[in-house]
Protein backbone atom coordinates (compact mmCIF):
# COMPACT_ATOMS: atom_id res chain seq x y z
CA UNK A 1 16.88 20.33 0.69
CA UNK A 2 13.27 19.24 0.92
CA UNK A 3 11.75 16.20 -0.88
CA UNK A 4 8.00 15.85 -1.56
CA UNK A 5 6.36 12.45 -1.19
CA UNK A 6 2.98 11.95 -2.86
CA UNK A 7 3.07 8.18 -3.53
CA UNK A 8 5.16 5.53 -1.82
CA UNK A 9 7.36 8.24 -0.30
CA UNK A 10 4.43 8.94 2.04
CA UNK A 11 4.56 5.50 3.63
CA UNK A 12 7.89 3.94 2.62
CA UNK A 13 10.56 6.28 3.91
CA UNK A 14 13.85 4.45 3.45
CA UNK A 15 16.16 7.44 3.76
CA UNK A 16 17.22 9.69 6.66
CA UNK A 17 15.48 13.02 7.20
CA UNK A 18 15.45 15.57 10.00
CA UNK A 19 11.94 17.01 9.72
CA UNK A 20 8.60 15.99 8.23
CA UNK A 21 5.77 18.39 7.33
CA UNK A 22 2.31 17.67 5.93
CA UNK A 23 1.02 19.85 3.12
CA UNK A 24 0.28 20.05 -0.58
CA UNK A 25 1.31 21.30 -3.98
CA UNK A 26 -1.07 23.14 -6.32
CA UNK A 27 -2.02 22.68 -9.95
CA UNK A 28 -1.72 18.89 -10.21
CA UNK A 29 -3.82 15.74 -9.92
CA UNK A 30 -2.47 12.43 -8.56
CA UNK A 31 -3.18 9.57 -10.99
CA UNK A 32 -2.21 5.90 -11.36
CA UNK A 33 -0.91 6.56 -14.88
CA UNK A 34 2.72 5.54 -14.39
CA UNK A 35 3.73 1.97 -15.21
CA UNK A 36 5.99 0.16 -12.77
CA UNK A 37 8.27 -2.36 -14.41
CA UNK A 38 10.94 -2.33 -11.69
CA UNK A 39 9.13 -2.20 -8.33
CA UNK A 40 5.42 -3.15 -8.44
CA UNK A 41 5.45 -5.03 -11.71
CA UNK A 42 7.75 -6.45 -14.35
CA UNK A 43 8.45 -5.51 -17.97
CA UNK A 44 6.17 -8.39 -19.01
CA UNK A 45 3.43 -7.49 -16.53
CA UNK A 46 3.75 -3.84 -15.46
CA UNK A 47 2.02 -2.51 -12.38
CA UNK A 48 0.56 0.96 -11.94
CA UNK A 49 1.83 3.63 -9.55
CA UNK A 50 1.10 7.32 -9.17
CA UNK A 51 2.41 10.32 -10.98
CA UNK A 52 1.11 13.86 -11.20
CA UNK A 53 -0.68 15.49 -14.10
CA UNK A 54 -0.98 19.24 -14.53
CA UNK A 55 -4.55 20.34 -13.89
CA UNK A 56 -6.50 23.26 -15.24
CA UNK A 57 -8.13 24.07 -11.93
CA UNK A 58 -7.18 24.79 -8.36
CA UNK A 59 -6.49 21.18 -7.52
CA UNK A 60 -4.09 20.17 -4.76
CA UNK A 61 -2.07 17.03 -4.19
CA UNK A 62 -1.49 16.33 -0.52
CA UNK A 63 1.66 14.67 0.67
CA UNK A 64 4.66 14.86 2.96
CA UNK A 65 7.73 17.10 2.81
CA UNK A 66 10.97 15.68 4.19
CA UNK A 67 13.87 17.93 5.12
CA UNK A 68 17.21 16.32 4.31
CA UNK A 69 20.28 17.20 6.36
CA UNK A 70 22.93 19.00 4.33
CA UNK A 71 25.49 16.28 5.01
CA UNK A 72 23.12 13.60 3.69
CA UNK A 73 21.73 15.32 0.58
CA UNK A 74 23.97 13.57 -1.95
CA UNK A 75 23.38 10.10 -0.45
CA UNK A 76 19.59 10.64 -0.32
CA UNK A 77 19.47 12.04 -3.87
CA UNK A 78 21.54 9.10 -5.17
CA UNK A 79 19.21 6.68 -3.39
CA UNK A 80 16.02 8.36 -4.65
CA UNK A 81 17.39 8.74 -8.19
CA UNK A 82 17.80 4.95 -8.22
CA UNK A 83 14.48 4.27 -6.50
CA UNK A 84 12.58 6.57 -8.89
CA UNK A 85 14.49 5.54 -12.03
CA UNK A 86 11.40 4.14 -13.76
CA UNK A 87 10.61 7.32 -15.66
CA UNK A 88 10.63 9.98 -12.95
CA UNK A 89 12.63 13.20 -13.18
CA UNK A 90 13.39 15.73 -10.46
CA UNK A 91 11.73 19.11 -10.63
CA UNK A 92 11.12 21.91 -8.15
CA UNK A 93 7.66 23.13 -7.18
CA UNK A 94 6.13 25.25 -4.42
CA UNK A 95 5.03 23.35 -1.29
CA UNK A 96 2.27 24.69 0.97
CA UNK A 97 2.50 23.44 4.58
CA UNK A 98 -0.76 22.70 6.40
CA UNK A 99 0.67 24.36 9.48
CA UNK A 100 -0.30 28.03 9.46
CA UNK A 101 2.97 29.01 11.14
CA UNK A 102 5.06 27.89 8.13
CA UNK A 103 5.39 29.72 4.84
CA UNK A 104 5.32 28.03 1.41
CA UNK A 105 8.75 26.96 0.13
CA UNK A 106 10.39 25.29 -2.87
CA UNK A 107 10.58 21.52 -2.79
CA UNK A 108 12.11 18.81 -4.98
CA UNK A 109 9.67 16.34 -6.43
CA UNK A 110 10.04 13.24 -8.61
CA UNK A 111 7.58 13.55 -11.48
CA UNK A 112 6.84 11.15 -14.33
CA UNK A 113 5.41 13.29 -17.10
CA UNK A 114 3.48 11.98 -20.10
CA UNK A 115 6.66 11.80 -22.22
CA UNK A 116 8.57 9.33 -20.04
CA UNK A 117 9.19 5.75 -21.19
CA UNK A 118 6.96 4.22 -18.47
CA UNK A 119 3.96 6.50 -18.84
CA UNK A 120 0.91 4.25 -19.09
CA UNK A 121 -1.60 7.02 -19.48
CA UNK A 122 -5.28 7.18 -18.64
CA UNK A 123 -7.54 4.15 -18.68
CA UNK A 124 -10.87 3.16 -17.19
CA UNK A 125 -10.54 2.68 -13.43
CA UNK A 126 -11.77 -0.90 -13.79
CA UNK A 127 -8.91 -1.63 -16.19
CA UNK A 128 -6.32 0.02 -13.96
CA UNK A 129 -7.72 -2.00 -11.02
CA UNK A 130 -7.31 -5.28 -12.95
CA UNK A 131 -3.73 -4.36 -13.73
CA UNK A 132 -3.00 -3.49 -10.10
CA UNK A 133 -4.61 -6.65 -8.69
CA UNK A 134 -2.68 -8.85 -11.14
CA UNK A 135 0.77 -7.23 -10.88
CA UNK A 136 3.68 -7.83 -8.58
CA UNK A 137 7.36 -6.96 -8.71
CA UNK A 138 10.56 -6.92 -6.65
CA UNK A 139 9.03 -4.47 -4.13
CA UNK A 140 5.92 -6.61 -3.69
CA UNK A 141 2.34 -6.80 -4.92
CA UNK A 142 0.99 -3.73 -6.70
CA UNK A 143 -2.17 -3.90 -4.59
CA UNK A 144 -0.02 -3.36 -1.46
CA UNK A 145 1.18 -0.04 -2.93
CA UNK A 146 -2.42 1.10 -3.57
CA UNK A 147 -3.68 0.04 -0.13
CA UNK A 148 -0.71 1.60 1.69
CA UNK A 149 -1.21 4.89 -0.15
CA UNK A 150 -4.98 4.95 0.51
CA UNK A 151 -4.49 4.10 4.19
CA UNK A 152 -1.76 6.72 4.58
CA UNK A 153 -3.97 9.38 3.04
CA UNK A 154 -6.74 8.53 5.49
CA UNK A 155 -4.36 8.72 8.44
CA UNK A 156 -2.44 11.87 7.48
CA UNK A 157 -5.19 13.75 5.61
CA UNK A 158 -8.59 12.56 6.91
CA UNK A 159 -10.22 15.76 5.60
CA UNK A 160 -9.11 15.06 1.99
CA UNK A 161 -11.07 12.91 -0.43
CA UNK A 162 -8.83 11.81 -3.30
CA UNK A 163 -11.55 10.52 -5.61
CA UNK A 164 -9.26 8.78 -8.12
CA UNK A 165 -7.37 6.95 -5.35
CA UNK A 166 -10.39 5.90 -3.32
CA UNK A 167 -12.50 4.87 -6.33
CA UNK A 168 -9.61 2.78 -7.60
CA UNK A 169 -9.30 1.19 -4.18
CA UNK A 170 -13.02 0.25 -4.31
CA UNK A 171 -12.62 -1.34 -7.74
CA UNK A 172 -9.65 -3.37 -6.52
CA UNK A 173 -11.51 -4.50 -3.40
CA UNK A 174 -14.45 -5.60 -5.59
CA UNK A 175 -12.09 -7.61 -7.79
CA UNK A 176 -10.44 -9.24 -4.78
CA UNK A 177 -13.85 -10.07 -3.27
CA UNK A 178 -14.92 -11.71 -6.54
CA UNK A 179 -11.71 -13.74 -6.62
CA UNK A 180 -12.29 -14.88 -3.02
CA UNK A 181 -15.86 -15.97 -3.79
CA UNK A 182 -14.67 -17.98 -6.81
CA UNK A 183 -12.16 -19.99 -4.76
């Protein structure tokens, strides 16, 4: 079994795996449209985390594929089902490895579609940034999630410019700089 990480599963791997491959899936855009009421926010003050939206074009979402040992599949699935319980459902998509010596293969992905109970939907990036800067939950500050994802993308995929992610990061940095100047 292979699991695809496109959000915190890129940088917060808290499950055993035997192999890791960089690559992408096609036909989706990564967006901070999923509310987090259990990890990076609370029900009273939800944070924002990523989900994937179907795209009309040839867009790609880059991330990491993790191969799970057969003997550990059930434990890893149980763990990830709990971790991703905030509106995500498992589905299977085609994964395209960056390595030219590997063929595309099916991969399990946790996806929060627009019908799930925590779908926050689109908003102006400035509004999403305010929500991220001002939210925190049991897994820590929402801003930490954004910064870890942006940094991981730069490290693993320096050739990829994820406009939504990096523009949102700029808006959050501007807000934090304003807060620092007002102190």
